Amino acid sequence: MSKEIMWDYMKFLIANKLDDTIENFKRFKENLNV
């Protein structure tokens, strides 16, 4: 996975005050596909 995607993912977690979990990562990836 690229560093840019990881960075966007971290910003996604912080913006939504979420924990780094598999479920949240799946939601993040679904958002990328929109």
C-alpha atoms as a PDB file:
ATOM      1  CA  MET A   1       0.000   0.000   0.000  1.00  0.00           C
ATOM      2  CA  SER A   2       1.279   3.450  -0.857  1.00  0.00           C
ATOM      3  CA  LYS A   3       2.315   5.940   1.791  1.00  0.00           C
ATOM      4  CA  GLU A   4      -0.199   8.432   0.388  1.00  0.00           C
ATOM      5  CA  ILE A   5      -3.085   6.049   1.022  1.00  0.00           C
ATOM      6  CA  MET A   6      -1.855   5.357   4.555  1.00  0.00           C
ATOM      7  CA  TRP A   7      -1.588   9.105   5.179  1.00  0.00           C
ATOM      8  CA  ASP A   8      -5.132   9.666   3.867  1.00  0.00           C
ATOM      9  CA  TYR A   9      -6.305   6.778   6.045  1.00  0.00           C
ATOM     10  CA  MET A  10      -4.719   8.304   9.142  1.00  0.00           C
ATOM     11  CA  LYS A  11      -6.367  11.651   8.371  1.00  0.00           C
ATOM     12  CA  PHE A  12      -9.679   9.817   7.885  1.00  0.00           C
ATOM     13  CA  LEU A  13      -9.334   8.190  11.313  1.00  0.00           C
ATOM     14  CA  ILE A  14      -8.418  11.453  13.022  1.00  0.00           C
ATOM     15  CA  ALA A  15     -11.168  13.442  11.287  1.00  0.00           C
ATOM     16  CA  ASN A  16     -13.765  10.904  12.369  1.00  0.00           C
ATOM     17  CA  LYS A  17     -12.155  10.181  15.758  1.00  0.00           C
ATOM     18  CA  LEU A  18     -11.975   6.488  14.877  1.00  0.00           C
ATOM     19  CA  ASP A  19      -9.661   3.704  15.981  1.00  0.00           C
ATOM     20  CA  ASP A  20      -7.456   1.811  13.541  1.00  0.00           C
ATOM     21  CA  THR A  21      -9.573  -1.302  13.035  1.00  0.00           C
ATOM     22  CA  ILE A  22     -10.273  -3.643  10.143  1.00  0.00           C
ATOM     23  CA  GLU A  23     -13.865  -2.394   9.988  1.00  0.00           C
ATOM     24  CA  ASN A  24     -12.783   1.230   9.736  1.00  0.00           C
ATOM     25  CA  PHE A  25     -10.226   0.359   7.076  1.00  0.00           C
ATOM     26  CA  LYS A  26     -12.914  -1.391   5.023  1.00  0.00           C
ATOM     27  CA  ARG A  27     -15.104   1.704   5.303  1.00  0.00           C
ATOM     28  CA  PHE A  28     -12.187   3.897   4.224  1.00  0.00           C
ATOM     29  CA  LYS A  29     -11.522   1.713   1.169  1.00  0.00           C
ATOM     30  CA  GLU A  30     -15.208   1.795   0.242  1.00  0.00           C
ATOM     31  CA  ASN A  31     -15.040   5.593   0.360  1.00  0.00           C
ATOM     32  CA  LEU A  32     -12.129   5.526  -2.093  1.00  0.00           C
ATOM     33  CA  ASN A  33     -14.178   3.522  -4.580  1.00  0.00           C
ATOM     34  CA  VAL A  34     -16.980   6.081  -4.710  1.00  0.00           C
END
